[in-house]
């Protein structure tokens, strides 16, 4: 679909532009989208029809410092994106490309969040993330590193200064989904980080996450609630860690 093979790709950096333009799916399926949105809102009144960014023309190219993911984002309304996902992400040149913060504690655990009941992905467990939006546009560029830093802080309370980014990205491609995962190095044990996150979430009025979960190894992966692309990242990350 995308010219990108499904699976995990190690990427040195991202080069993502903002290139506005119409989305044929949103125009062609307007009536069906409206009907779907009415039903979705009836089931979950907390859903909000804001603006989000989707990607066109993704490609991975070689550069002197390593492979680079390139693509161009356009803006659409959330109701159209919600319907597109519900309809199976039909192939029309659009891709759901987003960034995630893989918080990694000093004792080797990854911290994942359990989505709250009012969110689109209620009950699912994955890294702090969000669909990019207007706040991630800087001139003609879409900054997914800024997006992941913002989402991490808003959802977990950990700031970019205390959880700096590791080098590069792990990009997991699955059909029309492109998850750009950035490790964030947290100088806390999993126990201390979970306690602090719990305190942060308890003080939030309507948090995106219910709680954080610590994953120390493949034995902690939950295939019932962790999407396949999260499982792919975790298995690869733990396989790359030195034993002992």
C-alpha atoms as a PDB file:
ATOM      1  CA  UNK A   1       0.000   0.000   0.000  1.00  0.00           C
ATOM      2  CA  UNK A   2       2.600   2.538   1.073  1.00  0.00           C
ATOM      3  CA  UNK A   3       5.710   1.311  -0.701  1.00  0.00           C
ATOM      4  CA  UNK A   4       6.966   0.585   2.833  1.00  0.00           C
ATOM      5  CA  UNK A   5       7.148  -3.105   3.744  1.00  0.00           C
ATOM      6  CA  UNK A   6       5.267  -4.107   6.864  1.00  0.00           C
ATOM      7  CA  UNK A   7       7.433  -4.680   9.923  1.00  0.00           C
ATOM      8  CA  UNK A   8       9.979  -2.784  11.987  1.00  0.00           C
ATOM      9  CA  UNK A   9      12.477  -0.371  10.443  1.00  0.00           C
ATOM     10  CA  UNK A  10      15.309   1.378  12.280  1.00  0.00           C
ATOM     11  CA  UNK A  11      15.342   4.996  11.204  1.00  0.00           C
ATOM     12  CA  UNK A  12      17.970   7.652  11.910  1.00  0.00           C
ATOM     13  CA  UNK A  13      15.586  10.598  11.538  1.00  0.00           C
ATOM     14  CA  UNK A  14      12.250  11.797  10.203  1.00  0.00           C
ATOM     15  CA  UNK A  15      11.697  14.407   7.490  1.00  0.00           C
ATOM     16  CA  UNK A  16       7.978  15.171   7.417  1.00  0.00           C
ATOM     17  CA  UNK A  17       6.436  18.140   5.653  1.00  0.00           C
ATOM     18  CA  UNK A  18       3.030  19.841   5.750  1.00  0.00           C
ATOM     19  CA  UNK A  19       1.358  19.861   2.346  1.00  0.00           C
ATOM     20  CA  UNK A  20      -2.347  20.796   2.627  1.00  0.00           C
ATOM     21  CA  UNK A  21      -4.869  19.524   0.129  1.00  0.00           C
ATOM     22  CA  UNK A  22      -8.280  17.835  -0.182  1.00  0.00           C
ATOM     23  CA  UNK A  23      -8.865  14.236   0.858  1.00  0.00           C
ATOM     24  CA  UNK A  24     -10.937  12.353  -1.708  1.00  0.00           C
ATOM     25  CA  UNK A  25     -12.170   9.865   0.895  1.00  0.00           C
ATOM     26  CA  UNK A  26     -13.670  12.627   3.070  1.00  0.00           C
ATOM     27  CA  UNK A  27     -15.468  14.161   0.094  1.00  0.00           C
ATOM     28  CA  UNK A  28     -16.639  10.914  -1.471  1.00  0.00           C
ATOM     29  CA  UNK A  29     -17.873   9.354   1.776  1.00  0.00           C
ATOM     30  CA  UNK A  30     -19.275  12.504   3.458  1.00  0.00           C
ATOM     31  CA  UNK A  31     -22.770  11.113   4.081  1.00  0.00           C
ATOM     32  CA  UNK A  32     -21.451   7.793   5.349  1.00  0.00           C
ATOM     33  CA  UNK A  33     -18.944   9.592   7.566  1.00  0.00           C
ATOM     34  CA  UNK A  34     -21.678  11.753   9.108  1.00  0.00           C
ATOM     35  CA  UNK A  35     -23.825   8.702   9.859  1.00  0.00           C
ATOM     36  CA  UNK A  36     -20.875   6.884  11.408  1.00  0.00           C
ATOM     37  CA  UNK A  37     -19.981   9.931  13.518  1.00  0.00           C
ATOM     38  CA  UNK A  38     -23.516  10.266  14.844  1.00  0.00           C
ATOM     39  CA  UNK A  39     -23.421   6.650  15.995  1.00  0.00           C
ATOM     40  CA  UNK A  40     -19.920   6.999  17.467  1.00  0.00           C
ATOM     41  CA  UNK A  41     -20.928  10.111  19.409  1.00  0.00           C
ATOM     42  CA  UNK A  42     -24.048   8.373  20.713  1.00  0.00           C
ATOM     43  CA  UNK A  43     -21.827   5.597  22.065  1.00  0.00           C
ATOM     44  CA  UNK A  44     -19.099   7.937  23.367  1.00  0.00           C
ATOM     45  CA  UNK A  45     -20.184  11.601  23.791  1.00  0.00           C
ATOM     46  CA  UNK A  46     -16.628  12.521  24.835  1.00  0.00           C
ATOM     47  CA  UNK A  47     -15.384  12.220  21.241  1.00  0.00           C
ATOM     48  CA  UNK A  48     -14.386  15.603  19.803  1.00  0.00           C
ATOM     49  CA  UNK A  49     -14.343  16.516  16.114  1.00  0.00           C
ATOM     50  CA  UNK A  50     -11.119  18.508  15.973  1.00  0.00           C
ATOM     51  CA  UNK A  51      -8.452  18.649  13.287  1.00  0.00           C
ATOM     52  CA  UNK A  52      -5.790  15.974  12.788  1.00  0.00           C
ATOM     53  CA  UNK A  53      -2.970  15.284  10.346  1.00  0.00           C
ATOM     54  CA  UNK A  54      -2.618  12.238   8.092  1.00  0.00           C
ATOM     55  CA  UNK A  55       0.294  11.398   5.809  1.00  0.00           C
ATOM     56  CA  UNK A  56       0.711  10.929   2.071  1.00  0.00           C
ATOM     57  CA  UNK A  57       3.669   9.606   0.051  1.00  0.00           C
ATOM     58  CA  UNK A  58       5.682   7.910   2.807  1.00  0.00           C
ATOM     59  CA  UNK A  59       9.055   6.507   1.822  1.00  0.00           C
ATOM     60  CA  UNK A  60      12.248   5.347   3.459  1.00  0.00           C
ATOM     61  CA  UNK A  61      15.419   6.635   1.795  1.00  0.00           C
ATOM     62  CA  UNK A  62      19.080   6.112   2.535  1.00  0.00           C
ATOM     63  CA  UNK A  63      21.235   8.984   3.748  1.00  0.00           C
ATOM     64  CA  UNK A  64      24.774   9.342   5.021  1.00  0.00           C
ATOM     65  CA  UNK A  65      23.677   9.119   8.657  1.00  0.00           C
ATOM     66  CA  UNK A  66      21.245   6.229   8.104  1.00  0.00           C
ATOM     67  CA  UNK A  67      17.758   5.621   6.770  1.00  0.00           C
ATOM     68  CA  UNK A  68      15.281   8.512   6.732  1.00  0.00           C
ATOM     69  CA  UNK A  69      11.477   8.365   6.778  1.00  0.00           C
ATOM     70  CA  UNK A  70       9.943  11.027   4.549  1.00  0.00           C
ATOM     71  CA  UNK A  71       6.324  11.948   3.931  1.00  0.00           C
ATOM     72  CA  UNK A  72       3.885  14.846   3.647  1.00  0.00           C
ATOM     73  CA  UNK A  73       0.998  15.500   6.032  1.00  0.00           C
ATOM     74  CA  UNK A  74      -2.376  17.013   5.230  1.00  0.00           C
ATOM     75  CA  UNK A  75      -5.135  18.152   7.582  1.00  0.00           C
ATOM     76  CA  UNK A  76      -8.592  16.633   7.967  1.00  0.00           C
ATOM     77  CA  UNK A  77     -11.344  16.494  10.576  1.00  0.00           C
ATOM     78  CA  UNK A  78     -11.349  13.835  13.260  1.00  0.00           C
ATOM     79  CA  UNK A  79     -14.738  12.458  12.213  1.00  0.00           C
ATOM     80  CA  UNK A  80     -13.350  11.552   8.776  1.00  0.00           C
ATOM     81  CA  UNK A  81     -10.260   9.957  10.324  1.00  0.00           C
ATOM     82  CA  UNK A  82     -12.417   8.029  12.809  1.00  0.00           C
ATOM     83  CA  UNK A  83     -14.619   6.711   9.999  1.00  0.00           C
ATOM     84  CA  UNK A  84     -11.646   5.868   7.770  1.00  0.00           C
ATOM     85  CA  UNK A  85     -10.212   3.690  10.531  1.00  0.00           C
ATOM     86  CA  UNK A  86     -13.575   2.093  11.259  1.00  0.00           C
ATOM     87  CA  UNK A  87     -14.056   1.327   7.552  1.00  0.00           C
ATOM     88  CA  UNK A  88     -10.766  -0.582   7.468  1.00  0.00           C
ATOM     89  CA  UNK A  89      -8.423   2.243   6.364  1.00  0.00           C
ATOM     90  CA  UNK A  90      -9.297   1.892   2.665  1.00  0.00           C
ATOM     91  CA  UNK A  91      -6.356   2.367   0.321  1.00  0.00           C
ATOM     92  CA  UNK A  92      -6.594   5.888  -1.062  1.00  0.00           C
ATOM     93  CA  UNK A  93      -3.128   7.303  -0.454  1.00  0.00           C
ATOM     94  CA  UNK A  94      -3.658   8.283   3.207  1.00  0.00           C
ATOM     95  CA  UNK A  95      -1.668   6.866   6.112  1.00  0.00           C
ATOM     96  CA  UNK A  96      -2.055   7.119   9.862  1.00  0.00           C
ATOM     97  CA  UNK A  97       1.471   8.177  10.851  1.00  0.00           C
ATOM     98  CA  UNK A  98       2.059   9.134  14.476  1.00  0.00           C
ATOM     99  CA  UNK A  99       4.793   9.198  17.107  1.00  0.00           C
ATOM    100  CA  UNK A 100       5.003   7.374  20.457  1.00  0.00           C
ATOM    101  CA  UNK A 101       7.129   7.736  23.577  1.00  0.00           C
ATOM    102  CA  UNK A 102       8.663   4.444  24.682  1.00  0.00           C
ATOM    103  CA  UNK A 103       9.562   5.363  28.257  1.00  0.00           C
ATOM    104  CA  UNK A 104      12.468   3.139  29.335  1.00  0.00           C
ATOM    105  CA  UNK A 105      13.356   2.987  33.023  1.00  0.00           C
ATOM    106  CA  UNK A 106      16.832   2.604  34.507  1.00  0.00           C
ATOM    107  CA  UNK A 107      16.036  -0.980  35.576  1.00  0.00           C
ATOM    108  CA  UNK A 108      15.114  -2.035  32.051  1.00  0.00           C
ATOM    109  CA  UNK A 109      11.314  -1.767  31.905  1.00  0.00           C
ATOM    110  CA  UNK A 110       9.195  -0.093  29.258  1.00  0.00           C
ATOM    111  CA  UNK A 111       6.213   1.888  30.554  1.00  0.00           C
ATOM    112  CA  UNK A 112       2.945   1.670  28.642  1.00  0.00           C
ATOM    113  CA  UNK A 113      -0.359   3.390  29.337  1.00  0.00           C
ATOM    114  CA  UNK A 114      -3.834   1.878  29.558  1.00  0.00           C
ATOM    115  CA  UNK A 115      -6.289   4.078  27.670  1.00  0.00           C
ATOM    116  CA  UNK A 116      -9.254   5.530  29.582  1.00  0.00           C
ATOM    117  CA  UNK A 117     -12.862   4.605  28.801  1.00  0.00           C
ATOM    118  CA  UNK A 118     -13.654   7.976  27.185  1.00  0.00           C
ATOM    119  CA  UNK A 119     -10.929   7.624  24.528  1.00  0.00           C
ATOM    120  CA  UNK A 120     -11.160   6.134  21.020  1.00  0.00           C
ATOM    121  CA  UNK A 121      -8.951   3.190  22.048  1.00  0.00           C
ATOM    122  CA  UNK A 122     -10.425   2.452  25.485  1.00  0.00           C
ATOM    123  CA  UNK A 123      -8.721  -0.411  27.301  1.00  0.00           C
ATOM    124  CA  UNK A 124      -5.807  -0.722  24.875  1.00  0.00           C
ATOM    125  CA  UNK A 125      -2.289  -0.614  26.294  1.00  0.00           C
ATOM    126  CA  UNK A 126       0.480   1.172  24.423  1.00  0.00           C
ATOM    127  CA  UNK A 127       2.989   3.990  24.655  1.00  0.00           C
ATOM    128  CA  UNK A 128       1.963   7.608  25.187  1.00  0.00           C
ATOM    129  CA  UNK A 129       0.998   8.871  21.745  1.00  0.00           C
ATOM    130  CA  UNK A 130      -1.390  10.991  19.740  1.00  0.00           C
ATOM    131  CA  UNK A 131      -2.404  11.725  16.183  1.00  0.00           C
ATOM    132  CA  UNK A 132      -0.424  14.807  15.077  1.00  0.00           C
ATOM    133  CA  UNK A 133      -2.342  18.066  14.803  1.00  0.00           C
ATOM    134  CA  UNK A 134      -1.890  21.759  13.997  1.00  0.00           C
ATOM    135  CA  UNK A 135       0.349  22.346  17.019  1.00  0.00           C
ATOM    136  CA  UNK A 136       2.957  20.071  15.403  1.00  0.00           C
ATOM    137  CA  UNK A 137       3.225  22.230  12.258  1.00  0.00           C
ATOM    138  CA  UNK A 138       6.247  24.547  12.156  1.00  0.00           C
ATOM    139  CA  UNK A 139       6.267  26.464   8.901  1.00  0.00           C
ATOM    140  CA  UNK A 140       6.268  23.816   6.164  1.00  0.00           C
ATOM    141  CA  UNK A 141       7.420  21.076   8.524  1.00  0.00           C
ATOM    142  CA  UNK A 142       5.578  18.634  10.799  1.00  0.00           C
ATOM    143  CA  UNK A 143       7.672  17.878  13.882  1.00  0.00           C
ATOM    144  CA  UNK A 144       6.870  14.409  15.205  1.00  0.00           C
ATOM    145  CA  UNK A 145       9.574  14.724  17.856  1.00  0.00           C
ATOM    146  CA  UNK A 146       7.729  17.740  19.270  1.00  0.00           C
ATOM    147  CA  UNK A 147       4.480  15.779  19.054  1.00  0.00           C
ATOM    148  CA  UNK A 148       5.842  12.830  21.013  1.00  0.00           C
ATOM    149  CA  UNK A 149       7.341  15.102  23.686  1.00  0.00           C
ATOM    150  CA  UNK A 150       4.007  16.904  24.121  1.00  0.00           C
ATOM    151  CA  UNK A 151       1.966  13.720  24.318  1.00  0.00           C
ATOM    152  CA  UNK A 152       4.363  12.136  26.801  1.00  0.00           C
ATOM    153  CA  UNK A 153       4.118  15.136  29.117  1.00  0.00           C
ATOM    154  CA  UNK A 154       0.335  15.496  28.800  1.00  0.00           C
ATOM    155  CA  UNK A 155      -0.386  11.801  29.333  1.00  0.00           C
ATOM    156  CA  UNK A 156       2.247  10.716  31.879  1.00  0.00           C
ATOM    157  CA  UNK A 157       3.587  13.913  33.498  1.00  0.00           C
ATOM    158  CA  UNK A 158       7.193  13.138  32.533  1.00  0.00           C
ATOM    159  CA  UNK A 159       8.860  16.062  30.750  1.00  0.00           C
ATOM    160  CA  UNK A 160      11.385  15.962  27.886  1.00  0.00           C
ATOM    161  CA  UNK A 161      14.113  17.262  30.212  1.00  0.00           C
ATOM    162  CA  UNK A 162      13.751  14.372  32.644  1.00  0.00           C
ATOM    163  CA  UNK A 163      13.084  11.752  29.936  1.00  0.00           C
ATOM    164  CA  UNK A 164      15.402  12.713  27.045  1.00  0.00           C
ATOM    165  CA  UNK A 165      15.199  10.988  23.688  1.00  0.00           C
ATOM    166  CA  UNK A 166      17.509   8.166  22.724  1.00  0.00           C
ATOM    167  CA  UNK A 167      19.053   8.093  19.243  1.00  0.00           C
ATOM    168  CA  UNK A 168      16.951   7.309  16.190  1.00  0.00           C
ATOM    169  CA  UNK A 169      13.472   5.845  15.819  1.00  0.00           C
ATOM    170  CA  UNK A 170      11.857   2.435  15.518  1.00  0.00           C
ATOM    171  CA  UNK A 171       9.215   2.702  12.804  1.00  0.00           C
ATOM    172  CA  UNK A 172       6.631  -0.085  12.707  1.00  0.00           C
ATOM    173  CA  UNK A 173       4.593  -0.278   9.499  1.00  0.00           C
ATOM    174  CA  UNK A 174       1.339  -2.226   9.290  1.00  0.00           C
ATOM    175  CA  UNK A 175      -0.677  -1.483   6.164  1.00  0.00           C
ATOM    176  CA  UNK A 176      -1.881   2.113   6.394  1.00  0.00           C
ATOM    177  CA  UNK A 177      -0.446   2.602   9.904  1.00  0.00           C
ATOM    178  CA  UNK A 178       3.051   3.978  10.518  1.00  0.00           C
ATOM    179  CA  UNK A 179       4.052   4.111  14.206  1.00  0.00           C
ATOM    180  CA  UNK A 180       7.216   6.154  14.847  1.00  0.00           C
ATOM    181  CA  UNK A 181       8.484   5.035  18.254  1.00  0.00           C
ATOM    182  CA  UNK A 182      11.145   7.015  20.098  1.00  0.00           C
ATOM    183  CA  UNK A 183      12.794   5.674  23.243  1.00  0.00           C
ATOM    184  CA  UNK A 184      12.756   8.177  26.123  1.00  0.00           C
ATOM    185  CA  UNK A 185      15.315   7.395  28.821  1.00  0.00           C
ATOM    186  CA  UNK A 186      13.891   7.811  32.319  1.00  0.00           C
ATOM    187  CA  UNK A 187      16.401   7.794  35.222  1.00  0.00           C
ATOM    188  CA  UNK A 188      13.937   6.154  37.607  1.00  0.00           C
ATOM    189  CA  UNK A 189      13.158   2.569  38.521  1.00  0.00           C
ATOM    190  CA  UNK A 190       9.887   1.211  37.194  1.00  0.00           C
ATOM    191  CA  UNK A 191       8.475   1.147  40.720  1.00  0.00           C
ATOM    192  CA  UNK A 192       9.254   4.814  41.334  1.00  0.00           C
ATOM    193  CA  UNK A 193       8.068   5.845  37.874  1.00  0.00           C
ATOM    194  CA  UNK A 194       4.752   4.009  38.279  1.00  0.00           C
ATOM    195  CA  UNK A 195       4.165   5.651  41.654  1.00  0.00           C
ATOM    196  CA  UNK A 196       4.857   9.088  40.277  1.00  0.00           C
ATOM    197  CA  UNK A 197       2.655   8.521  37.223  1.00  0.00           C
ATOM    198  CA  UNK A 198      -0.179   7.285  39.447  1.00  0.00           C
ATOM    199  CA  UNK A 199       0.041  10.492  41.485  1.00  0.00           C
ATOM    200  CA  UNK A 200       0.009  12.603  38.306  1.00  0.00           C
ATOM    201  CA  UNK A 201      -3.008  10.784  36.852  1.00  0.00           C
ATOM    202  CA  UNK A 202      -4.911  11.043  40.146  1.00  0.00           C
ATOM    203  CA  UNK A 203      -4.608  14.831  39.973  1.00  0.00           C
ATOM    204  CA  UNK A 204      -5.800  15.102  36.367  1.00  0.00           C
ATOM    205  CA  UNK A 205      -9.461  15.987  35.761  1.00  0.00           C
ATOM    206  CA  UNK A 206      -9.931  13.720  32.744  1.00  0.00           C
ATOM    207  CA  UNK A 207      -6.690  11.820  32.056  1.00  0.00           C
ATOM    208  CA  UNK A 208      -6.138   9.995  28.774  1.00  0.00           C
ATOM    209  CA  UNK A 209      -4.648   7.072  30.683  1.00  0.00           C
ATOM    210  CA  UNK A 210      -6.023   5.009  33.561  1.00  0.00           C
ATOM    211  CA  UNK A 211      -2.624   3.747  34.706  1.00  0.00           C
ATOM    212  CA  UNK A 212       0.834   2.816  33.466  1.00  0.00           C
ATOM    213  CA  UNK A 213       2.077  -0.757  33.127  1.00  0.00           C
ATOM    214  CA  UNK A 214       5.707  -1.889  33.402  1.00  0.00           C
ATOM    215  CA  UNK A 215       6.939  -4.456  30.866  1.00  0.00           C
ATOM    216  CA  UNK A 216      10.261  -6.038  31.844  1.00  0.00           C
ATOM    217  CA  UNK A 217      10.418  -8.707  29.164  1.00  0.00           C
ATOM    218  CA  UNK A 218       8.462 -10.785  26.651  1.00  0.00           C
ATOM    219  CA  UNK A 219       6.675 -12.557  29.504  1.00  0.00           C
ATOM    220  CA  UNK A 220       4.893  -9.283  30.354  1.00  0.00           C
ATOM    221  CA  UNK A 221       3.495  -8.702  26.860  1.00  0.00           C
ATOM    222  CA  UNK A 222      -0.308  -8.938  26.858  1.00  0.00           C
ATOM    223  CA  UNK A 223      -1.560  -9.854  23.360  1.00  0.00           C
ATOM    224  CA  UNK A 224      -5.181  -9.247  24.407  1.00  0.00           C
ATOM    225  CA  UNK A 225      -4.727  -5.535  25.058  1.00  0.00           C
ATOM    226  CA  UNK A 226      -1.436  -4.595  23.363  1.00  0.00           C
ATOM    227  CA  UNK A 227      -1.783  -4.005  19.607  1.00  0.00           C
ATOM    228  CA  UNK A 228       0.380  -6.101  17.276  1.00  0.00           C
ATOM    229  CA  UNK A 229       2.698  -3.209  16.415  1.00  0.00           C
ATOM    230  CA  UNK A 230       3.446  -2.638  20.107  1.00  0.00           C
ATOM    231  CA  UNK A 231       4.236  -6.323  20.529  1.00  0.00           C
ATOM    232  CA  UNK A 232       6.547  -6.134  17.499  1.00  0.00           C
ATOM    233  CA  UNK A 233       8.475  -3.214  19.008  1.00  0.00           C
ATOM    234  CA  UNK A 234       8.760  -4.786  22.465  1.00  0.00           C
ATOM    235  CA  UNK A 235       9.954  -8.168  21.210  1.00  0.00           C
ATOM    236  CA  UNK A 236      12.577  -6.477  19.052  1.00  0.00           C
ATOM    237  CA  UNK A 237      13.701  -4.180  21.880  1.00  0.00           C
ATOM    238  CA  UNK A 238      14.082  -6.997  24.391  1.00  0.00           C
ATOM    239  CA  UNK A 239      15.894  -9.192  21.849  1.00  0.00           C
ATOM    240  CA  UNK A 240      18.403  -6.365  21.363  1.00  0.00           C
ATOM    241  CA  UNK A 241      19.103  -5.954  25.079  1.00  0.00           C
ATOM    242  CA  UNK A 242      22.225  -7.724  26.393  1.00  0.00           C
ATOM    243  CA  UNK A 243      21.538 -10.602  28.744  1.00  0.00           C
ATOM    244  CA  UNK A 244      22.148  -9.999  32.444  1.00  0.00           C
END
